[in-house]
Amino acid sequence: MKMMALTTETMLDTVLTMEEILTEKQMTALRDILYFYKEFELELYDYPSEDTLFTKTQRELFDIFDIK
């Protein structure tokens, strides 16, 4: 099986597909989990630069799910 390179465009396509598959309540729960994870990590490490605290993939997920 050939692995497809993930780009922001393909990741956004995946999120749109997830929105079609998951219920609104499930999507809200997933966003909440990401939000609380981000906030927990920031607080735990006394609010360092997000570029050094989170991986590129984590930052991309925060962007995709609009976690500010």
PDB file of N, CA and C in Angstrom:
ATOM      1  N   MET A   1       0.840  -1.173   0.000  1.00  0.00           N
ATOM      2  CA  MET A   1       0.000   0.000   0.000  1.00  0.00           C
ATOM      3  C   MET A   1       0.887   1.239   0.000  1.00  0.00           C
ATOM      4  N   LYS A   2       0.672   2.128  -0.931  1.00  0.00           N
ATOM      5  CA  LYS A   2       1.465   3.349  -1.043  1.00  0.00           C
ATOM      6  C   LYS A   2       0.927   4.402  -0.082  1.00  0.00           C
ATOM      7  N   MET A   3       1.848   5.000   0.683  1.00  0.00           N
ATOM      8  CA  MET A   3       1.451   6.035   1.632  1.00  0.00           C
ATOM      9  C   MET A   3       1.365   7.373   0.902  1.00  0.00           C
ATOM     10  N   MET A   4       0.301   8.115   1.150  1.00  0.00           N
ATOM     11  CA  MET A   4       0.123   9.422   0.542  1.00  0.00           C
ATOM     12  C   MET A   4       0.738  10.471   1.460  1.00  0.00           C
ATOM     13  N   ALA A   5       1.497  11.381   0.876  1.00  0.00           N
ATOM     14  CA  ALA A   5       2.068  12.473   1.665  1.00  0.00           C
ATOM     15  C   ALA A   5       0.939  13.385   2.121  1.00  0.00           C
ATOM     16  N   LEU A   6       0.948  13.706   3.398  1.00  0.00           N
ATOM     17  CA  LEU A   6      -0.092  14.586   3.933  1.00  0.00           C
ATOM     18  C   LEU A   6       0.315  16.035   3.737  1.00  0.00           C
ATOM     19  N   THR A   7      -0.540  16.773   3.106  1.00  0.00           N
ATOM     20  CA  THR A   7      -0.350  18.209   2.959  1.00  0.00           C
ATOM     21  C   THR A   7      -1.490  18.877   3.704  1.00  0.00           C
ATOM     22  N   THR A   8      -1.379  20.168   3.904  1.00  0.00           N
ATOM     23  CA  THR A   8      -2.456  20.890   4.579  1.00  0.00           C
ATOM     24  C   THR A   8      -3.762  20.700   3.818  1.00  0.00           C
ATOM     25  N   GLU A   9      -3.689  20.693   2.496  1.00  0.00           N
ATOM     26  CA  GLU A   9      -4.898  20.514   1.687  1.00  0.00           C
ATOM     27  C   GLU A   9      -5.521  19.140   1.913  1.00  0.00           C
ATOM     28  N   THR A  10      -4.714  18.086   1.938  1.00  0.00           N
ATOM     29  CA  THR A  10      -5.281  16.755   2.160  1.00  0.00           C
ATOM     30  C   THR A  10      -5.772  16.607   3.591  1.00  0.00           C
ATOM     31  N   MET A  11      -5.089  17.267   4.545  1.00  0.00           N
ATOM     32  CA  MET A  11      -5.559  17.209   5.927  1.00  0.00           C
ATOM     33  C   MET A  11      -6.905  17.918   6.052  1.00  0.00           C
ATOM     34  N   LEU A  12      -7.067  19.040   5.371  1.00  0.00           N
ATOM     35  CA  LEU A  12      -8.350  19.738   5.410  1.00  0.00           C
ATOM     36  C   LEU A  12      -9.440  18.886   4.782  1.00  0.00           C
ATOM     37  N   ASP A  13      -9.119  18.180   3.700  1.00  0.00           N
ATOM     38  CA  ASP A  13     -10.077  17.263   3.096  1.00  0.00           C
ATOM     39  C   ASP A  13     -10.483  16.193   4.100  1.00  0.00           C
ATOM     40  N   THR A  14      -9.534  15.711   4.880  1.00  0.00           N
ATOM     41  CA  THR A  14      -9.812  14.689   5.884  1.00  0.00           C
ATOM     42  C   THR A  14     -10.741  15.231   6.953  1.00  0.00           C
ATOM     43  N   VAL A  15     -10.523  16.463   7.400  1.00  0.00           N
ATOM     44  CA  VAL A  15     -11.394  17.066   8.405  1.00  0.00           C
ATOM     45  C   VAL A  15     -12.805  17.199   7.855  1.00  0.00           C
ATOM     46  N   LEU A  16     -12.934  17.615   6.618  1.00  0.00           N
ATOM     47  CA  LEU A  16     -14.263  17.714   6.026  1.00  0.00           C
ATOM     48  C   LEU A  16     -14.932  16.352   6.002  1.00  0.00           C
ATOM     49  N   THR A  17     -14.181  15.333   5.697  1.00  0.00           N
ATOM     50  CA  THR A  17     -14.730  13.976   5.708  1.00  0.00           C
ATOM     51  C   THR A  17     -15.123  13.583   7.134  1.00  0.00           C
ATOM     52  N   MET A  18     -14.301  13.956   8.114  1.00  0.00           N
ATOM     53  CA  MET A  18     -14.628  13.646   9.498  1.00  0.00           C
ATOM     54  C   MET A  18     -15.926  14.332   9.908  1.00  0.00           C
ATOM     55  N   GLU A  19     -16.117  15.569   9.457  1.00  0.00           N
ATOM     56  CA  GLU A  19     -17.349  16.279   9.786  1.00  0.00           C
ATOM     57  C   GLU A  19     -18.561  15.595   9.176  1.00  0.00           C
ATOM     58  N   GLU A  20     -18.357  14.946   8.057  1.00  0.00           N
ATOM     59  CA  GLU A  20     -19.450  14.210   7.442  1.00  0.00           C
ATOM     60  C   GLU A  20     -19.735  12.908   8.191  1.00  0.00           C
ATOM     61  N   ILE A  21     -18.697  12.333   8.803  1.00  0.00           N
ATOM     62  CA  ILE A  21     -18.838  11.042   9.487  1.00  0.00           C
ATOM     63  C   ILE A  21     -19.267  11.217  10.946  1.00  0.00           C
ATOM     64  N   LEU A  22     -18.624  12.167  11.640  1.00  0.00           N
ATOM     65  CA  LEU A  22     -18.896  12.348  13.058  1.00  0.00           C
ATOM     66  C   LEU A  22     -20.114  13.234  13.279  1.00  0.00           C
ATOM     67  N   THR A  23     -20.777  12.991  14.369  1.00  0.00           N
ATOM     68  CA  THR A  23     -21.900  13.848  14.727  1.00  0.00           C
ATOM     69  C   THR A  23     -21.348  15.189  15.237  1.00  0.00           C
ATOM     70  N   GLU A  24     -22.196  16.173  15.331  1.00  0.00           N
ATOM     71  CA  GLU A  24     -21.778  17.484  15.837  1.00  0.00           C
ATOM     72  C   GLU A  24     -21.250  17.354  17.269  1.00  0.00           C
ATOM     73  N   LYS A  25     -21.882  16.514  18.047  1.00  0.00           N
ATOM     74  CA  LYS A  25     -21.456  16.305  19.431  1.00  0.00           C
ATOM     75  C   LYS A  25     -20.063  15.666  19.484  1.00  0.00           C
ATOM     76  N   GLN A  26     -19.791  14.717  18.591  1.00  0.00           N
ATOM     77  CA  GLN A  26     -18.481  14.071  18.537  1.00  0.00           C
ATOM     78  C   GLN A  26     -17.397  15.055  18.088  1.00  0.00           C
ATOM     79  N   MET A  27     -17.704  15.897  17.102  1.00  0.00           N
ATOM     80  CA  MET A  27     -16.734  16.898  16.636  1.00  0.00           C
ATOM     81  C   MET A  27     -16.436  17.905  17.745  1.00  0.00           C
ATOM     82  N   THR A  28     -17.461  18.304  18.479  1.00  0.00           N
ATOM     83  CA  THR A  28     -17.273  19.232  19.592  1.00  0.00           C
ATOM     84  C   THR A  28     -16.378  18.591  20.656  1.00  0.00           C
ATOM     85  N   ALA A  29     -16.612  17.327  20.944  1.00  0.00           N
ATOM     86  CA  ALA A  29     -15.794  16.621  21.935  1.00  0.00           C
ATOM     87  C   ALA A  29     -14.343  16.541  21.481  1.00  0.00           C
ATOM     88  N   LEU A  30     -14.122  16.264  20.202  1.00  0.00           N
ATOM     89  CA  LEU A  30     -12.765  16.187  19.668  1.00  0.00           C
ATOM     90  C   LEU A  30     -12.061  17.548  19.745  1.00  0.00           C
ATOM     91  N   ARG A  31     -12.755  18.601  19.386  1.00  0.00           N
ATOM     92  CA  ARG A  31     -12.180  19.952  19.501  1.00  0.00           C
ATOM     93  C   ARG A  31     -11.875  20.284  20.964  1.00  0.00           C
ATOM     94  N   ASP A  32     -12.788  19.926  21.857  1.00  0.00           N
ATOM     95  CA  ASP A  32     -12.575  20.176  23.289  1.00  0.00           C
ATOM     96  C   ASP A  32     -11.337  19.446  23.795  1.00  0.00           C
ATOM     97  N   ILE A  33     -11.159  18.194  23.380  1.00  0.00           N
ATOM     98  CA  ILE A  33      -9.994  17.419  23.796  1.00  0.00           C
ATOM     99  C   ILE A  33      -8.713  18.109  23.336  1.00  0.00           C
ATOM    100  N   LEU A  34      -8.676  18.542  22.083  1.00  0.00           N
ATOM    101  CA  LEU A  34      -7.492  19.236  21.565  1.00  0.00           C
ATOM    102  C   LEU A  34      -7.252  20.551  22.302  1.00  0.00           C
ATOM    103  N   TYR A  35      -8.322  21.291  22.543  1.00  0.00           N
ATOM    104  CA  TYR A  35      -8.206  22.570  23.248  1.00  0.00           C
ATOM    105  C   TYR A  35      -7.650  22.365  24.658  1.00  0.00           C
ATOM    106  N   PHE A  36      -8.226  21.423  25.402  1.00  0.00           N
ATOM    107  CA  PHE A  36      -7.782  21.220  26.774  1.00  0.00           C
ATOM    108  C   PHE A  36      -6.375  20.633  26.838  1.00  0.00           C
ATOM    109  N   TYR A  37      -5.999  19.802  25.861  1.00  0.00           N
ATOM    110  CA  TYR A  37      -4.632  19.293  25.789  1.00  0.00           C
ATOM    111  C   TYR A  37      -3.660  20.460  25.607  1.00  0.00           C
ATOM    112  N   LYS A  38      -3.968  21.338  24.660  1.00  0.00           N
ATOM    113  CA  LYS A  38      -3.095  22.481  24.387  1.00  0.00           C
ATOM    114  C   LYS A  38      -2.968  23.360  25.629  1.00  0.00           C
ATOM    115  N   GLU A  39      -4.084  23.691  26.241  1.00  0.00           N
ATOM    116  CA  GLU A  39      -4.064  24.545  27.429  1.00  0.00           C
ATOM    117  C   GLU A  39      -3.301  23.891  28.581  1.00  0.00           C
ATOM    118  N   PHE A  40      -3.484  22.607  28.777  1.00  0.00           N
ATOM    119  CA  PHE A  40      -2.797  21.873  29.846  1.00  0.00           C
ATOM    120  C   PHE A  40      -1.286  21.932  29.650  1.00  0.00           C
ATOM    121  N   GLU A  41      -0.841  21.651  28.422  1.00  0.00           N
ATOM    122  CA  GLU A  41       0.591  21.671  28.134  1.00  0.00           C
ATOM    123  C   GLU A  41       1.178  23.073  28.312  1.00  0.00           C
ATOM    124  N   LEU A  42       0.475  24.085  27.840  1.00  0.00           N
ATOM    125  CA  LEU A  42       0.958  25.454  27.994  1.00  0.00           C
ATOM    126  C   LEU A  42       1.102  25.820  29.469  1.00  0.00           C
ATOM    127  N   GLU A  43       0.098  25.478  30.251  1.00  0.00           N
ATOM    128  CA  GLU A  43       0.142  25.798  31.680  1.00  0.00           C
ATOM    129  C   GLU A  43       1.207  24.981  32.402  1.00  0.00           C
ATOM    130  N   LEU A  44       1.317  23.707  32.053  1.00  0.00           N
ATOM    131  CA  LEU A  44       2.286  22.813  32.694  1.00  0.00           C
ATOM    132  C   LEU A  44       3.709  23.326  32.519  1.00  0.00           C
ATOM    133  N   TYR A  45       4.012  23.820  31.333  1.00  0.00           N
ATOM    134  CA  TYR A  45       5.373  24.279  31.039  1.00  0.00           C
ATOM    135  C   TYR A  45       5.508  25.805  31.100  1.00  0.00           C
ATOM    136  N   ASP A  46       4.603  26.455  31.795  1.00  0.00           N
ATOM    137  CA  ASP A  46       4.653  27.897  32.075  1.00  0.00           C
ATOM    138  C   ASP A  46       4.697  28.745  30.800  1.00  0.00           C
ATOM    139  N   TYR A  47       3.862  28.391  29.857  1.00  0.00           N
ATOM    140  CA  TYR A  47       3.622  29.171  28.637  1.00  0.00           C
ATOM    141  C   TYR A  47       4.886  29.485  27.823  1.00  0.00           C
ATOM    142  N   PRO A  48       5.625  28.444  27.426  1.00  0.00           N
ATOM    143  CA  PRO A  48       6.780  28.689  26.541  1.00  0.00           C
ATOM    144  C   PRO A  48       6.290  28.984  25.122  1.00  0.00           C
ATOM    145  N   SER A  49       7.219  29.225  24.230  1.00  0.00           N
ATOM    146  CA  SER A  49       6.866  29.429  22.828  1.00  0.00           C
ATOM    147  C   SER A  49       6.183  28.172  22.292  1.00  0.00           C
ATOM    148  N   GLU A  50       5.066  28.366  21.610  1.00  0.00           N
ATOM    149  CA  GLU A  50       4.342  27.212  21.066  1.00  0.00           C
ATOM    150  C   GLU A  50       5.154  26.497  19.995  1.00  0.00           C
ATOM    151  N   ASP A  51       6.066  27.209  19.346  1.00  0.00           N
ATOM    152  CA  ASP A  51       6.906  26.592  18.314  1.00  0.00           C
ATOM    153  C   ASP A  51       7.851  25.554  18.895  1.00  0.00           C
ATOM    154  N   THR A  52       8.250  25.733  20.145  1.00  0.00           N
ATOM    155  CA  THR A  52       9.150  24.758  20.758  1.00  0.00           C
ATOM    156  C   THR A  52       8.403  23.723  21.599  1.00  0.00           C
ATOM    157  N   LEU A  53       7.236  24.076  22.085  1.00  0.00           N
ATOM    158  CA  LEU A  53       6.478  23.150  22.934  1.00  0.00           C
ATOM    159  C   LEU A  53       5.756  22.082  22.118  1.00  0.00           C
ATOM    160  N   PHE A  54       5.178  22.483  20.994  1.00  0.00           N
ATOM    161  CA  PHE A  54       4.378  21.557  20.195  1.00  0.00           C
ATOM    162  C   PHE A  54       5.093  21.206  18.890  1.00  0.00           C
ATOM    163  N   THR A  55       4.861  19.994  18.434  1.00  0.00           N
ATOM    164  CA  THR A  55       5.448  19.570  17.164  1.00  0.00           C
ATOM    165  C   THR A  55       4.708  20.256  16.018  1.00  0.00           C
ATOM    166  N   LYS A  56       5.300  20.204  14.853  1.00  0.00           N
ATOM    167  CA  LYS A  56       4.672  20.781  13.665  1.00  0.00           C
ATOM    168  C   LYS A  56       3.302  20.137  13.440  1.00  0.00           C
ATOM    169  N   THR A  57       3.224  18.838  13.610  1.00  0.00           N
ATOM    170  CA  THR A  57       1.964  18.119  13.415  1.00  0.00           C
ATOM    171  C   THR A  57       0.916  18.582  14.408  1.00  0.00           C
ATOM    172  N   GLN A  58       1.302  18.763  15.663  1.00  0.00           N
ATOM    173  CA  GLN A  58       0.354  19.247  16.662  1.00  0.00           C
ATOM    174  C   GLN A  58      -0.141  20.642  16.310  1.00  0.00           C
ATOM    175  N   ARG A  59       0.768  21.524  15.893  1.00  0.00           N
ATOM    176  CA  ARG A  59       0.368  22.880  15.510  1.00  0.00           C
ATOM    177  C   ARG A  59      -0.570  22.852  14.302  1.00  0.00           C
ATOM    178  N   GLU A  60      -0.319  21.961  13.360  1.00  0.00           N
ATOM    179  CA  GLU A  60      -1.205  21.829  12.199  1.00  0.00           C
ATOM    180  C   GLU A  60      -2.605  21.396  12.631  1.00  0.00           C
ATOM    181  N   LEU A  61      -2.669  20.450  13.573  1.00  0.00           N
ATOM    182  CA  LEU A  61      -3.978  20.017  14.076  1.00  0.00           C
ATOM    183  C   LEU A  61      -4.704  21.156  14.775  1.00  0.00           C
ATOM    184  N   PHE A  62      -3.980  21.941  15.565  1.00  0.00           N
ATOM    185  CA  PHE A  62      -4.607  23.087  16.216  1.00  0.00           C
ATOM    186  C   PHE A  62      -5.174  24.051  15.170  1.00  0.00           C
ATOM    187  N   ASP A  63      -4.441  24.252  14.090  1.00  0.00           N
ATOM    188  CA  ASP A  63      -4.913  25.127  13.010  1.00  0.00           C
ATOM    189  C   ASP A  63      -6.139  24.536  12.316  1.00  0.00           C
ATOM    190  N   ILE A  64      -6.077  23.266  11.998  1.00  0.00           N
ATOM    191  CA  ILE A  64      -7.187  22.613  11.301  1.00  0.00           C
ATOM    192  C   ILE A  64      -8.473  22.684  12.113  1.00  0.00           C
ATOM    193  N   PHE A  65      -8.345  22.457  13.420  1.00  0.00           N
ATOM    194  CA  PHE A  65      -9.532  22.467  14.283  1.00  0.00           C
ATOM    195  C   PHE A  65      -9.785  23.841  14.907  1.00  0.00           C
ATOM    196  N   ASP A  66      -9.072  24.857  14.431  1.00  0.00           N
ATOM    197  CA  ASP A  66      -9.258  26.221  14.868  1.00  0.00           C
ATOM    198  C   ASP A  66      -9.127  26.365  16.382  1.00  0.00           C
ATOM    199  N   ILE A  67      -8.069  25.765  16.925  1.00  0.00           N
ATOM    200  CA  ILE A  67      -7.789  25.836  18.360  1.00  0.00           C
ATOM    201  C   ILE A  67      -6.810  26.993  18.564  1.00  0.00           C
ATOM    202  N   LYS A  68      -7.284  28.064  19.190  1.00  0.00           N
ATOM    203  CA  LYS A  68      -6.442  29.263  19.401  1.00  0.00           C
ATOM    204  C   LYS A  68      -6.022  29.361  20.835  1.00  0.00           C
TER     205      LYS A  68
END
